[in-house]
Amino acid sequence: MKPRPKPLVGLVLGLLLGLVIVGLLWQLGVAPPDRFILFGVVAVSIALVELIVTQTLKRGKKRFVTVMIIAGVFGGVALTGIPETFLDAGTISNGCSLQATSGDQTVKPTDTSAFAPLDTTPTGTISWESSTDKVLTNWHSGLGMYIGGVALPLWTAERANSEQAQSWSSTEQVADYLKKIEDQTGLQLRGTYHVYGYIHADEGNCDMAGYIRVNAENPFATPLIIALWVAGALLFVITVSIAMAVRRSIRDSKSYAEQAALASSATATPGAEGSAAAEQTEPVGAFTEPKAEPQAEPVAETQVMPSATTEVLPTTTAEPAQPDDPAPASGTDGETKAP
């Protein structure tokens, strides 16, 4: 029995869980899905889940190292986004100006940052004013947002600006823009956005970028937020279940190895004890001589030997042999005769 770590499963679960966490941070208005937030959270999530569902390097070491390298690559990409998230504020080109007001907050793009955006609500309004130092004609303009450092266009238009205007202003309903996004994507969005806009004209360009936050009404305000909570909870339960199964397999593997070792030791012990007992009962050494194995007695040739105690060889040929202790002889009449 061997342990069963799950390094590749850890990669998939860590990636999905990281994306869910980024989505919740984004939709709840905690942080925008900038490069540092997106790739950094995913890298940490992959590494942590990988450790949780692996727990041992006895098997799958190469796959574990490969997954950790992938997490390291995500972490390296995240580091390139530090200036965007922590050091840079919004931007606007020279010769162009933009100012926006929401509620009692009035800001320029350069006044906003990832953690200090322009705040509004799904039912709120944003009033804005913009201008250019010179007349711009034959516009090619657009509006979009950044996700993970990648620009995603949401709206584009062309305009000749035949009226030679140099300033513009308007009041926009936030709900109208949210409705347009919902019609295009099918999602009701909230949260913090890193938005950008541009005007490219024959006379020059105006580019701007800033941060705006559409605050969610509550932590479960939209179907998207609810789905993210459910997905996060489900991934958490799956991760814990797999971690427990891996821990059980490691424990069973150790128990099996210990039982095998005990069985091997028990098999070797009787022979050792018997050998020791033999050494104690039949010692062979300098002070005792080994016992000789009993030998079978040879079978002697059949021969009748004279008995020295019962018979004496005759001394002469004419004299019969006499016993050593003659017994009194009795005659036929019962009288004793002299020898």
C-alpha atoms as a PDB file:
ATOM      1  CA  MET A   1       0.000   0.000   0.000  1.00  0.00           C
ATOM      2  CA  LYS A   2       1.389   3.395  -1.010  1.00  0.00           C
ATOM      3  CA  PRO A   3       0.360   7.011  -0.276  1.00  0.00           C
ATOM      4  CA  ARG A   4      -1.771   8.705  -2.926  1.00  0.00           C
ATOM      5  CA  PRO A   5      -0.943  12.437  -3.200  1.00  0.00           C
ATOM      6  CA  LYS A   6      -2.820  14.521  -5.794  1.00  0.00           C
ATOM      7  CA  PRO A   7      -0.422  17.137  -7.240  1.00  0.00           C
ATOM      8  CA  LEU A   8      -2.217  17.602 -10.573  1.00  0.00           C
ATOM      9  CA  VAL A   9      -5.588  17.805  -8.848  1.00  0.00           C
ATOM     10  CA  GLY A  10      -4.036  20.456  -6.618  1.00  0.00           C
ATOM     11  CA  LEU A  11      -3.081  22.487  -9.695  1.00  0.00           C
ATOM     12  CA  VAL A  12      -6.635  22.457 -11.067  1.00  0.00           C
ATOM     13  CA  LEU A  13      -8.299  23.141  -7.721  1.00  0.00           C
ATOM     14  CA  GLY A  14      -5.804  25.874  -6.849  1.00  0.00           C
ATOM     15  CA  LEU A  15      -6.310  27.612 -10.196  1.00  0.00           C
ATOM     16  CA  LEU A  16     -10.102  27.518  -9.939  1.00  0.00           C
ATOM     17  CA  LEU A  17     -10.131  28.594  -6.298  1.00  0.00           C
ATOM     18  CA  GLY A  18      -7.769  31.479  -7.074  1.00  0.00           C
ATOM     19  CA  LEU A  19     -10.005  32.721  -9.877  1.00  0.00           C
ATOM     20  CA  VAL A  20     -13.047  32.543  -7.604  1.00  0.00           C
ATOM     21  CA  ILE A  21     -11.257  34.554  -4.913  1.00  0.00           C
ATOM     22  CA  VAL A  22     -10.214  37.188  -7.461  1.00  0.00           C
ATOM     23  CA  GLY A  23     -13.792  37.361  -8.712  1.00  0.00           C
ATOM     24  CA  LEU A  24     -15.136  37.931  -5.204  1.00  0.00           C
ATOM     25  CA  LEU A  25     -12.540  40.603  -4.449  1.00  0.00           C
ATOM     26  CA  TRP A  26     -13.463  42.295  -7.705  1.00  0.00           C
ATOM     27  CA  GLN A  27     -17.264  42.138  -7.450  1.00  0.00           C
ATOM     28  CA  LEU A  28     -17.342  43.108  -3.766  1.00  0.00           C
ATOM     29  CA  GLY A  29     -15.234  46.172  -4.541  1.00  0.00           C
ATOM     30  CA  VAL A  30     -12.203  45.140  -2.480  1.00  0.00           C
ATOM     31  CA  ALA A  31      -9.657  45.250  -5.320  1.00  0.00           C
ATOM     32  CA  PRO A  32      -9.721  45.366  -9.130  1.00  0.00           C
ATOM     33  CA  PRO A  33      -8.546  42.347 -11.150  1.00  0.00           C
ATOM     34  CA  ASP A  34      -5.239  43.993 -12.002  1.00  0.00           C
ATOM     35  CA  ARG A  35      -2.199  41.943 -12.928  1.00  0.00           C
ATOM     36  CA  PHE A  36      -0.777  41.814  -9.407  1.00  0.00           C
ATOM     37  CA  ILE A  37      -4.117  40.875  -7.816  1.00  0.00           C
ATOM     38  CA  LEU A  38      -5.103  38.315 -10.445  1.00  0.00           C
ATOM     39  CA  PHE A  39      -1.815  36.464 -10.917  1.00  0.00           C
ATOM     40  CA  GLY A  40      -0.682  36.906  -7.322  1.00  0.00           C
ATOM     41  CA  VAL A  41      -3.829  35.410  -5.791  1.00  0.00           C
ATOM     42  CA  VAL A  42      -3.819  32.533  -8.295  1.00  0.00           C
ATOM     43  CA  ALA A  43      -0.146  31.788  -7.576  1.00  0.00           C
ATOM     44  CA  VAL A  44      -0.682  31.679  -3.820  1.00  0.00           C
ATOM     45  CA  SER A  45      -3.845  29.612  -4.196  1.00  0.00           C
ATOM     46  CA  ILE A  46      -2.116  27.016  -6.389  1.00  0.00           C
ATOM     47  CA  ALA A  47       0.829  26.711  -3.993  1.00  0.00           C
ATOM     48  CA  LEU A  48      -1.336  26.351  -0.876  1.00  0.00           C
ATOM     49  CA  VAL A  49      -3.794  23.870  -2.369  1.00  0.00           C
ATOM     50  CA  GLU A  50      -0.909  21.883  -3.825  1.00  0.00           C
ATOM     51  CA  LEU A  51       0.678  21.534  -0.386  1.00  0.00           C
ATOM     52  CA  ILE A  52      -2.659  20.580   1.165  1.00  0.00           C
ATOM     53  CA  VAL A  53      -3.498  17.796  -1.301  1.00  0.00           C
ATOM     54  CA  THR A  54       0.055  16.442  -1.640  1.00  0.00           C
ATOM     55  CA  GLN A  55       1.435  16.289   1.930  1.00  0.00           C
ATOM     56  CA  THR A  56       4.230  13.886   0.943  1.00  0.00           C
ATOM     57  CA  LEU A  57       6.910  13.600  -1.720  1.00  0.00           C
ATOM     58  CA  LYS A  58       7.216   9.807  -1.614  1.00  0.00           C
ATOM     59  CA  ARG A  59       5.178   9.652  -4.809  1.00  0.00           C
ATOM     60  CA  GLY A  60       4.591  12.215  -7.572  1.00  0.00           C
ATOM     61  CA  LYS A  61       7.612  14.353  -6.691  1.00  0.00           C
ATOM     62  CA  LYS A  62       8.174  15.453 -10.311  1.00  0.00           C
ATOM     63  CA  ARG A  63       4.550  16.496 -10.724  1.00  0.00           C
ATOM     64  CA  PHE A  64       4.685  18.383  -7.441  1.00  0.00           C
ATOM     65  CA  VAL A  65       7.785  20.279  -8.571  1.00  0.00           C
ATOM     66  CA  THR A  66       6.167  21.027 -11.949  1.00  0.00           C
ATOM     67  CA  VAL A  67       3.072  22.492 -10.295  1.00  0.00           C
ATOM     68  CA  MET A  68       5.214  24.609  -7.992  1.00  0.00           C
ATOM     69  CA  ILE A  69       7.117  25.925 -11.009  1.00  0.00           C
ATOM     70  CA  ILE A  70       3.800  26.908 -12.602  1.00  0.00           C
ATOM     71  CA  ALA A  71       2.822  28.708  -9.407  1.00  0.00           C
ATOM     72  CA  GLY A  72       6.190  30.457  -9.485  1.00  0.00           C
ATOM     73  CA  VAL A  73       5.564  31.639 -13.055  1.00  0.00           C
ATOM     74  CA  PHE A  74       2.226  33.124 -11.998  1.00  0.00           C
ATOM     75  CA  GLY A  75       3.979  34.802  -9.090  1.00  0.00           C
ATOM     76  CA  GLY A  76       6.603  36.277 -11.398  1.00  0.00           C
ATOM     77  CA  VAL A  77       3.930  37.772 -13.648  1.00  0.00           C
ATOM     78  CA  ALA A  78       2.238  39.196 -10.559  1.00  0.00           C
ATOM     79  CA  LEU A  79       5.421  40.999  -9.553  1.00  0.00           C
ATOM     80  CA  THR A  80       5.415  42.889 -12.840  1.00  0.00           C
ATOM     81  CA  GLY A  81       2.037  44.370 -11.845  1.00  0.00           C
ATOM     82  CA  ILE A  82       3.236  45.943  -8.586  1.00  0.00           C
ATOM     83  CA  PRO A  83       3.782  49.412 -10.133  1.00  0.00           C
ATOM     84  CA  GLU A  84       0.302  49.413 -11.668  1.00  0.00           C
ATOM     85  CA  THR A  85      -1.442  48.442  -8.427  1.00  0.00           C
ATOM     86  CA  PHE A  86       0.587  50.179  -5.728  1.00  0.00           C
ATOM     87  CA  LEU A  87       2.732  52.893  -7.316  1.00  0.00           C
ATOM     88  CA  ASP A  88       0.706  54.330 -10.167  1.00  0.00           C
ATOM     89  CA  ALA A  89      -2.507  56.342 -10.021  1.00  0.00           C
ATOM     90  CA  GLY A  90      -4.759  57.201 -12.930  1.00  0.00           C
ATOM     91  CA  THR A  91      -3.252  58.945 -15.951  1.00  0.00           C
ATOM     92  CA  ILE A  92      -4.264  61.460 -18.607  1.00  0.00           C
ATOM     93  CA  SER A  93      -2.405  62.819 -21.609  1.00  0.00           C
ATOM     94  CA  ASN A  94      -0.933  66.310 -21.682  1.00  0.00           C
ATOM     95  CA  GLY A  95      -3.206  68.832 -23.350  1.00  0.00           C
ATOM     96  CA  CYS A  96      -6.324  66.952 -22.192  1.00  0.00           C
ATOM     97  CA  SER A  97      -8.417  67.251 -19.035  1.00  0.00           C
ATOM     98  CA  LEU A  98     -11.189  65.213 -17.412  1.00  0.00           C
ATOM     99  CA  GLN A  99     -13.089  65.661 -14.161  1.00  0.00           C
ATOM    100  CA  ALA A 100     -15.848  63.447 -12.785  1.00  0.00           C
ATOM    101  CA  THR A 101     -18.295  63.884  -9.916  1.00  0.00           C
ATOM    102  CA  SER A 102     -20.265  61.213  -8.095  1.00  0.00           C
ATOM    103  CA  GLY A 103     -22.251  62.258  -5.053  1.00  0.00           C
ATOM    104  CA  ASP A 104     -20.030  64.618  -3.115  1.00  0.00           C
ATOM    105  CA  GLN A 105     -16.799  63.243  -4.620  1.00  0.00           C
ATOM    106  CA  THR A 106     -15.107  65.088  -7.488  1.00  0.00           C
ATOM    107  CA  VAL A 107     -11.869  63.645  -8.886  1.00  0.00           C
ATOM    108  CA  LYS A 108      -9.517  63.701 -11.827  1.00  0.00           C
ATOM    109  CA  PRO A 109      -8.097  60.454 -13.242  1.00  0.00           C
ATOM    110  CA  THR A 110      -4.810  61.141 -11.483  1.00  0.00           C
ATOM    111  CA  ASP A 111      -6.644  61.330  -8.132  1.00  0.00           C
ATOM    112  CA  THR A 112      -7.796  57.736  -8.344  1.00  0.00           C
ATOM    113  CA  SER A 113      -5.946  54.488  -7.609  1.00  0.00           C
ATOM    114  CA  ALA A 114      -6.702  50.808  -7.153  1.00  0.00           C
ATOM    115  CA  PHE A 115      -7.663  51.249  -3.508  1.00  0.00           C
ATOM    116  CA  ALA A 116      -9.002  54.811  -3.766  1.00  0.00           C
ATOM    117  CA  PRO A 117     -11.387  54.810  -6.749  1.00  0.00           C
ATOM    118  CA  LEU A 118     -14.269  57.067  -7.658  1.00  0.00           C
ATOM    119  CA  ASP A 119     -17.219  55.601  -5.740  1.00  0.00           C
ATOM    120  CA  THR A 120     -20.709  55.270  -7.129  1.00  0.00           C
ATOM    121  CA  THR A 121     -23.737  52.982  -6.857  1.00  0.00           C
ATOM    122  CA  PRO A 122     -25.756  50.941  -9.402  1.00  0.00           C
ATOM    123  CA  THR A 123     -28.485  53.583  -9.240  1.00  0.00           C
ATOM    124  CA  GLY A 124     -26.182  56.590  -9.053  1.00  0.00           C
ATOM    125  CA  THR A 125     -25.066  59.176 -11.604  1.00  0.00           C
ATOM    126  CA  ILE A 126     -21.682  60.420 -12.767  1.00  0.00           C
ATOM    127  CA  SER A 127     -21.256  63.957 -14.099  1.00  0.00           C
ATOM    128  CA  TRP A 128     -18.131  64.642 -16.130  1.00  0.00           C
ATOM    129  CA  GLU A 129     -16.396  67.473 -17.953  1.00  0.00           C
ATOM    130  CA  SER A 130     -13.531  67.180 -20.421  1.00  0.00           C
ATOM    131  CA  SER A 131     -11.572  69.453 -22.734  1.00  0.00           C
ATOM    132  CA  THR A 132      -8.612  69.581 -25.096  1.00  0.00           C
ATOM    133  CA  ASP A 133      -6.122  72.354 -25.715  1.00  0.00           C
ATOM    134  CA  LYS A 134      -6.622  72.164 -29.456  1.00  0.00           C
ATOM    135  CA  VAL A 135      -9.319  71.074 -31.831  1.00  0.00           C
ATOM    136  CA  LEU A 136      -9.352  67.352 -32.551  1.00  0.00           C
ATOM    137  CA  THR A 137     -11.078  66.086 -35.690  1.00  0.00           C
ATOM    138  CA  ASN A 138     -11.818  62.711 -37.227  1.00  0.00           C
ATOM    139  CA  TRP A 139     -11.979  60.924 -33.937  1.00  0.00           C
ATOM    140  CA  HIS A 140     -11.553  57.277 -33.330  1.00  0.00           C
ATOM    141  CA  SER A 141     -12.556  56.902 -29.687  1.00  0.00           C
ATOM    142  CA  GLY A 142     -13.201  54.062 -27.262  1.00  0.00           C
ATOM    143  CA  LEU A 143     -13.831  53.041 -23.682  1.00  0.00           C
ATOM    144  CA  GLY A 144     -12.861  49.818 -21.916  1.00  0.00           C
ATOM    145  CA  MET A 145     -11.316  48.240 -18.842  1.00  0.00           C
ATOM    146  CA  TYR A 146      -8.204  46.317 -17.861  1.00  0.00           C
ATOM    147  CA  ILE A 147      -8.317  42.769 -16.532  1.00  0.00           C
ATOM    148  CA  GLY A 148      -4.996  41.236 -15.591  1.00  0.00           C
ATOM    149  CA  GLY A 149      -3.216  44.028 -17.445  1.00  0.00           C
ATOM    150  CA  VAL A 150      -5.051  43.207 -20.691  1.00  0.00           C
ATOM    151  CA  ALA A 151      -7.240  45.897 -22.262  1.00  0.00           C
ATOM    152  CA  LEU A 152     -10.809  44.786 -22.998  1.00  0.00           C
ATOM    153  CA  PRO A 153     -12.745  47.265 -25.166  1.00  0.00           C
ATOM    154  CA  LEU A 154     -16.382  47.875 -24.225  1.00  0.00           C
ATOM    155  CA  TRP A 155     -17.346  50.637 -26.581  1.00  0.00           C
ATOM    156  CA  THR A 156     -15.866  52.283 -29.690  1.00  0.00           C
ATOM    157  CA  ALA A 157     -17.053  55.117 -31.955  1.00  0.00           C
ATOM    158  CA  GLU A 158     -15.946  57.468 -34.688  1.00  0.00           C
ATOM    159  CA  ARG A 159     -16.718  61.160 -34.884  1.00  0.00           C
ATOM    160  CA  ALA A 160     -15.687  63.888 -37.273  1.00  0.00           C
ATOM    161  CA  ASN A 161     -16.081  66.744 -34.731  1.00  0.00           C
ATOM    162  CA  SER A 162     -17.172  69.012 -37.508  1.00  0.00           C
ATOM    163  CA  GLU A 163     -18.335  71.581 -34.973  1.00  0.00           C
ATOM    164  CA  GLN A 164     -14.708  72.034 -33.899  1.00  0.00           C
ATOM    165  CA  ALA A 165     -15.578  71.562 -30.233  1.00  0.00           C
ATOM    166  CA  GLN A 166     -12.877  71.533 -27.571  1.00  0.00           C
ATOM    167  CA  SER A 167     -14.930  70.815 -24.443  1.00  0.00           C
ATOM    168  CA  TRP A 168     -17.686  68.391 -23.528  1.00  0.00           C
ATOM    169  CA  SER A 169     -19.771  67.553 -20.490  1.00  0.00           C
ATOM    170  CA  SER A 170     -22.578  65.190 -19.590  1.00  0.00           C
ATOM    171  CA  THR A 171     -24.318  63.329 -16.770  1.00  0.00           C
ATOM    172  CA  GLU A 172     -24.483  59.575 -17.134  1.00  0.00           C
ATOM    173  CA  GLN A 173     -26.703  57.049 -15.431  1.00  0.00           C
ATOM    174  CA  VAL A 174     -24.646  54.187 -14.052  1.00  0.00           C
ATOM    175  CA  ALA A 175     -27.567  51.809 -14.528  1.00  0.00           C
ATOM    176  CA  ASP A 176     -27.545  52.474 -18.296  1.00  0.00           C
ATOM    177  CA  TYR A 177     -23.940  51.356 -18.630  1.00  0.00           C
ATOM    178  CA  LEU A 178     -24.518  48.332 -16.411  1.00  0.00           C
ATOM    179  CA  LYS A 179     -27.471  47.402 -18.611  1.00  0.00           C
ATOM    180  CA  LYS A 180     -25.366  47.625 -21.769  1.00  0.00           C
ATOM    181  CA  ILE A 181     -22.699  45.382 -20.212  1.00  0.00           C
ATOM    182  CA  GLU A 182     -25.352  42.922 -19.094  1.00  0.00           C
ATOM    183  CA  ASP A 183     -26.820  42.809 -22.604  1.00  0.00           C
ATOM    184  CA  GLN A 184     -23.375  42.082 -24.069  1.00  0.00           C
ATOM    185  CA  THR A 185     -22.119  39.582 -21.478  1.00  0.00           C
ATOM    186  CA  GLY A 186     -25.206  38.371 -19.623  1.00  0.00           C
ATOM    187  CA  LEU A 187     -23.646  39.391 -16.301  1.00  0.00           C
ATOM    188  CA  GLN A 188     -24.781  41.869 -13.690  1.00  0.00           C
ATOM    189  CA  LEU A 189     -21.553  43.529 -12.667  1.00  0.00           C
ATOM    190  CA  ARG A 190     -20.467  45.374  -9.554  1.00  0.00           C
ATOM    191  CA  GLY A 191     -17.081  46.062  -8.035  1.00  0.00           C
ATOM    192  CA  THR A 192     -13.937  48.045  -8.802  1.00  0.00           C
ATOM    193  CA  TYR A 193     -12.774  48.642 -12.374  1.00  0.00           C
ATOM    194  CA  HIS A 194      -9.591  49.921 -13.926  1.00  0.00           C
ATOM    195  CA  VAL A 195     -11.119  51.806 -16.863  1.00  0.00           C
ATOM    196  CA  TYR A 196      -9.518  53.546 -19.800  1.00  0.00           C
ATOM    197  CA  GLY A 197     -10.638  55.854 -22.583  1.00  0.00           C
ATOM    198  CA  TYR A 198      -9.021  57.411 -25.622  1.00  0.00           C
ATOM    199  CA  ILE A 199      -9.530  59.826 -28.519  1.00  0.00           C
ATOM    200  CA  HIS A 200      -7.229  59.329 -31.485  1.00  0.00           C
ATOM    201  CA  ALA A 201      -7.526  62.211 -33.953  1.00  0.00           C
ATOM    202  CA  ASP A 202      -5.629  63.752 -36.844  1.00  0.00           C
ATOM    203  CA  GLU A 203      -4.235  66.500 -34.623  1.00  0.00           C
ATOM    204  CA  GLY A 204      -3.172  64.269 -31.729  1.00  0.00           C
ATOM    205  CA  ASN A 205      -4.367  61.855 -29.072  1.00  0.00           C
ATOM    206  CA  CYS A 206      -5.975  61.980 -25.655  1.00  0.00           C
ATOM    207  CA  ASP A 207      -5.552  58.906 -23.440  1.00  0.00           C
ATOM    208  CA  MET A 208      -6.746  58.489 -19.905  1.00  0.00           C
ATOM    209  CA  ALA A 209      -7.048  55.738 -17.294  1.00  0.00           C
ATOM    210  CA  GLY A 210      -8.540  55.689 -13.807  1.00  0.00           C
ATOM    211  CA  TYR A 211     -10.403  53.623 -11.239  1.00  0.00           C
ATOM    212  CA  ILE A 212     -14.129  53.564 -10.528  1.00  0.00           C
ATOM    213  CA  ARG A 213     -16.073  51.426  -8.065  1.00  0.00           C
ATOM    214  CA  VAL A 214     -19.730  50.424  -8.347  1.00  0.00           C
ATOM    215  CA  ASN A 215     -20.538  49.377  -4.803  1.00  0.00           C
ATOM    216  CA  ALA A 216     -22.617  46.219  -4.403  1.00  0.00           C
ATOM    217  CA  GLU A 217     -25.814  46.591  -2.411  1.00  0.00           C
ATOM    218  CA  ASN A 218     -24.897  43.606  -0.216  1.00  0.00           C
ATOM    219  CA  PRO A 219     -22.525  40.592  -0.260  1.00  0.00           C
ATOM    220  CA  PHE A 220     -25.100  38.607  -2.281  1.00  0.00           C
ATOM    221  CA  ALA A 221     -26.376  41.388  -4.526  1.00  0.00           C
ATOM    222  CA  THR A 222     -26.148  39.689  -7.933  1.00  0.00           C
ATOM    223  CA  PRO A 223     -26.376  36.164  -9.343  1.00  0.00           C
ATOM    224  CA  LEU A 224     -22.683  36.401 -10.249  1.00  0.00           C
ATOM    225  CA  ILE A 225     -21.658  37.127  -6.661  1.00  0.00           C
ATOM    226  CA  ILE A 226     -23.885  34.317  -5.373  1.00  0.00           C
ATOM    227  CA  ALA A 227     -22.395  31.900  -7.928  1.00  0.00           C
ATOM    228  CA  LEU A 228     -18.888  32.883  -6.843  1.00  0.00           C
ATOM    229  CA  TRP A 229     -19.733  32.223  -3.181  1.00  0.00           C
ATOM    230  CA  VAL A 230     -21.205  28.839  -4.037  1.00  0.00           C
ATOM    231  CA  ALA A 231     -18.254  27.906  -6.256  1.00  0.00           C
ATOM    232  CA  GLY A 232     -15.801  28.954  -3.562  1.00  0.00           C
ATOM    233  CA  ALA A 233     -17.578  26.892  -0.906  1.00  0.00           C
ATOM    234  CA  LEU A 234     -17.766  23.865  -3.191  1.00  0.00           C
ATOM    235  CA  LEU A 235     -14.073  24.069  -4.103  1.00  0.00           C
ATOM    236  CA  PHE A 236     -13.193  24.421  -0.426  1.00  0.00           C
ATOM    237  CA  VAL A 237     -15.170  21.300   0.489  1.00  0.00           C
ATOM    238  CA  ILE A 238     -13.606  19.332  -2.368  1.00  0.00           C
ATOM    239  CA  THR A 239     -10.126  20.439  -1.339  1.00  0.00           C
ATOM    240  CA  VAL A 240     -10.694  19.447   2.289  1.00  0.00           C
ATOM    241  CA  SER A 241     -12.145  16.076   1.250  1.00  0.00           C
ATOM    242  CA  ILE A 242      -9.191  15.289  -0.989  1.00  0.00           C
ATOM    243  CA  ALA A 243      -6.761  16.418   1.700  1.00  0.00           C
ATOM    244  CA  MET A 244      -8.390  14.066   4.203  1.00  0.00           C
ATOM    245  CA  ALA A 245      -8.244  11.188   1.717  1.00  0.00           C
ATOM    246  CA  VAL A 246      -4.566  11.856   1.069  1.00  0.00           C
ATOM    247  CA  ARG A 247      -3.859  12.029   4.805  1.00  0.00           C
ATOM    248  CA  ARG A 248      -5.694   8.724   5.275  1.00  0.00           C
ATOM    249  CA  SER A 249      -3.676   7.075   2.511  1.00  0.00           C
ATOM    250  CA  ILE A 250      -0.430   8.296   4.080  1.00  0.00           C
ATOM    251  CA  ARG A 251      -1.500   7.013   7.497  1.00  0.00           C
ATOM    252  CA  ASP A 252      -2.577   3.654   6.066  1.00  0.00           C
ATOM    253  CA  SER A 253       0.700   3.387   4.176  1.00  0.00           C
ATOM    254  CA  LYS A 254       2.693   3.974   7.360  1.00  0.00           C
ATOM    255  CA  SER A 255       0.543   1.490   9.277  1.00  0.00           C
ATOM    256  CA  TYR A 256       0.964  -1.123   6.555  1.00  0.00           C
ATOM    257  CA  ALA A 257       4.739  -0.604   6.560  1.00  0.00           C
ATOM    258  CA  GLU A 258       4.875  -0.962  10.347  1.00  0.00           C
ATOM    259  CA  GLN A 259       2.784  -4.145  10.273  1.00  0.00           C
ATOM    260  CA  ALA A 260       4.995  -5.585   7.560  1.00  0.00           C
ATOM    261  CA  ALA A 261       8.075  -4.791   9.622  1.00  0.00           C
ATOM    262  CA  LEU A 262       6.546  -6.428  12.709  1.00  0.00           C
ATOM    263  CA  ALA A 263       5.587  -9.498  10.721  1.00  0.00           C
ATOM    264  CA  SER A 264       9.081  -9.773   9.318  1.00  0.00           C
ATOM    265  CA  SER A 265      10.557  -9.399  12.792  1.00  0.00           C
ATOM    266  CA  ALA A 266       8.200 -12.041  14.223  1.00  0.00           C
ATOM    267  CA  THR A 267       9.171 -14.461  11.470  1.00  0.00           C
ATOM    268  CA  ALA A 268      12.866 -14.069  12.248  1.00  0.00           C
ATOM    269  CA  THR A 269      12.511 -14.274  16.080  1.00  0.00           C
ATOM    270  CA  PRO A 270      11.668 -18.054  16.610  1.00  0.00           C
ATOM    271  CA  GLY A 271      14.793 -19.211  14.799  1.00  0.00           C
ATOM    272  CA  ALA A 272      16.921 -16.897  16.859  1.00  0.00           C
ATOM    273  CA  GLU A 273      15.349 -18.102  20.116  1.00  0.00           C
ATOM    274  CA  GLY A 274      15.775 -21.759  19.124  1.00  0.00           C
ATOM    275  CA  SER A 275      19.407 -21.135  18.284  1.00  0.00           C
ATOM    276  CA  ALA A 276      19.960 -19.445  21.628  1.00  0.00           C
ATOM    277  CA  ALA A 277      18.267 -22.313  23.485  1.00  0.00           C
ATOM    278  CA  ALA A 278      20.422 -24.806  21.659  1.00  0.00           C
ATOM    279  CA  GLU A 279      23.510 -22.909  22.642  1.00  0.00           C
ATOM    280  CA  GLN A 280      22.404 -22.919  26.299  1.00  0.00           C
ATOM    281  CA  THR A 281      21.525 -26.664  26.476  1.00  0.00           C
ATOM    282  CA  GLU A 282      24.380 -27.960  24.392  1.00  0.00           C
ATOM    283  CA  PRO A 283      27.296 -25.578  24.838  1.00  0.00           C
ATOM    284  CA  VAL A 284      30.386 -26.245  22.850  1.00  0.00           C
ATOM    285  CA  GLY A 285      33.469 -24.375  23.882  1.00  0.00           C
ATOM    286  CA  ALA A 286      36.742 -24.510  25.670  1.00  0.00           C
ATOM    287  CA  PHE A 287      35.284 -25.967  28.913  1.00  0.00           C
ATOM    288  CA  THR A 288      33.045 -28.699  27.546  1.00  0.00           C
ATOM    289  CA  GLU A 289      33.610 -31.276  24.910  1.00  0.00           C
ATOM    290  CA  PRO A 290      31.013 -31.899  22.286  1.00  0.00           C
ATOM    291  CA  LYS A 291      28.955 -34.996  22.671  1.00  0.00           C
ATOM    292  CA  ALA A 292      29.851 -37.822  20.395  1.00  0.00           C
ATOM    293  CA  GLU A 293      27.075 -39.225  18.398  1.00  0.00           C
ATOM    294  CA  PRO A 294      26.174 -42.773  19.498  1.00  0.00           C
ATOM    295  CA  GLN A 295      27.644 -45.430  17.245  1.00  0.00           C
ATOM    296  CA  ALA A 296      25.959 -48.715  16.565  1.00  0.00           C
ATOM    297  CA  GLU A 297      27.827 -51.735  18.042  1.00  0.00           C
ATOM    298  CA  PRO A 298      29.354 -54.031  15.464  1.00  0.00           C
ATOM    299  CA  VAL A 299      27.864 -57.438  15.248  1.00  0.00           C
ATOM    300  CA  ALA A 300      30.543 -59.995  16.327  1.00  0.00           C
ATOM    301  CA  GLU A 301      30.979 -63.347  14.683  1.00  0.00           C
ATOM    302  CA  THR A 302      29.138 -66.157  16.457  1.00  0.00           C
ATOM    303  CA  GLN A 303      31.635 -67.995  18.668  1.00  0.00           C
ATOM    304  CA  VAL A 304      31.190 -69.913  21.917  1.00  0.00           C
ATOM    305  CA  MET A 305      33.753 -68.906  24.446  1.00  0.00           C
ATOM    306  CA  PRO A 306      34.483 -70.947  27.546  1.00  0.00           C
ATOM    307  CA  SER A 307      33.319 -69.538  30.818  1.00  0.00           C
ATOM    308  CA  ALA A 308      36.178 -69.033  33.238  1.00  0.00           C
ATOM    309  CA  THR A 309      33.891 -69.225  36.244  1.00  0.00           C
ATOM    310  CA  THR A 310      32.046 -72.401  35.338  1.00  0.00           C
ATOM    311  CA  GLU A 311      34.502 -74.595  33.548  1.00  0.00           C
ATOM    312  CA  VAL A 312      38.233 -75.426  33.933  1.00  0.00           C
ATOM    313  CA  LEU A 313      40.209 -76.850  31.132  1.00  0.00           C
ATOM    314  CA  PRO A 314      41.600 -80.304  31.848  1.00  0.00           C
ATOM    315  CA  THR A 315      45.198 -80.498  33.057  1.00  0.00           C
ATOM    316  CA  THR A 316      45.849 -83.914  31.518  1.00  0.00           C
ATOM    317  CA  THR A 317      44.301 -85.866  28.866  1.00  0.00           C
ATOM    318  CA  ALA A 318      43.381 -88.683  31.221  1.00  0.00           C
ATOM    319  CA  GLU A 319      41.885 -86.526  33.954  1.00  0.00           C
ATOM    320  CA  PRO A 320      38.483 -85.108  33.439  1.00  0.00           C
ATOM    321  CA  ALA A 321      37.801 -81.508  34.125  1.00  0.00           C
ATOM    322  CA  GLN A 322      36.577 -80.646  37.614  1.00  0.00           C
ATOM    323  CA  PRO A 323      34.536 -77.694  38.723  1.00  0.00           C
ATOM    324  CA  ASP A 324      36.099 -75.134  41.015  1.00  0.00           C
ATOM    325  CA  ASP A 325      33.640 -75.767  43.824  1.00  0.00           C
ATOM    326  CA  PRO A 326      32.560 -79.386  43.715  1.00  0.00           C
ATOM    327  CA  ALA A 327      29.192 -80.107  45.157  1.00  0.00           C
ATOM    328  CA  PRO A 328      28.550 -83.257  47.146  1.00  0.00           C
ATOM    329  CA  ALA A 329      27.642 -86.110  44.913  1.00  0.00           C
ATOM    330  CA  SER A 330      24.805 -88.344  45.837  1.00  0.00           C
ATOM    331  CA  GLY A 331      24.432 -91.925  44.833  1.00  0.00           C
ATOM    332  CA  THR A 332      21.461 -93.801  43.852  1.00  0.00           C
ATOM    333  CA  ASP A 333      20.820 -94.866  47.399  1.00  0.00           C
ATOM    334  CA  GLY A 334      21.039 -91.400  48.752  1.00  0.00           C
ATOM    335  CA  GLU A 335      24.466 -91.870  50.540  1.00  0.00           C
ATOM    336  CA  THR A 336      27.238 -89.532  50.211  1.00  0.00           C
ATOM    337  CA  LYS A 337      30.320 -90.854  48.518  1.00  0.00           C
ATOM    338  CA  ALA A 338      33.817 -89.632  48.991  1.00  0.00           C
ATOM    339  CA  PRO A 339      35.437 -88.217  45.994  1.00  0.00           C
END
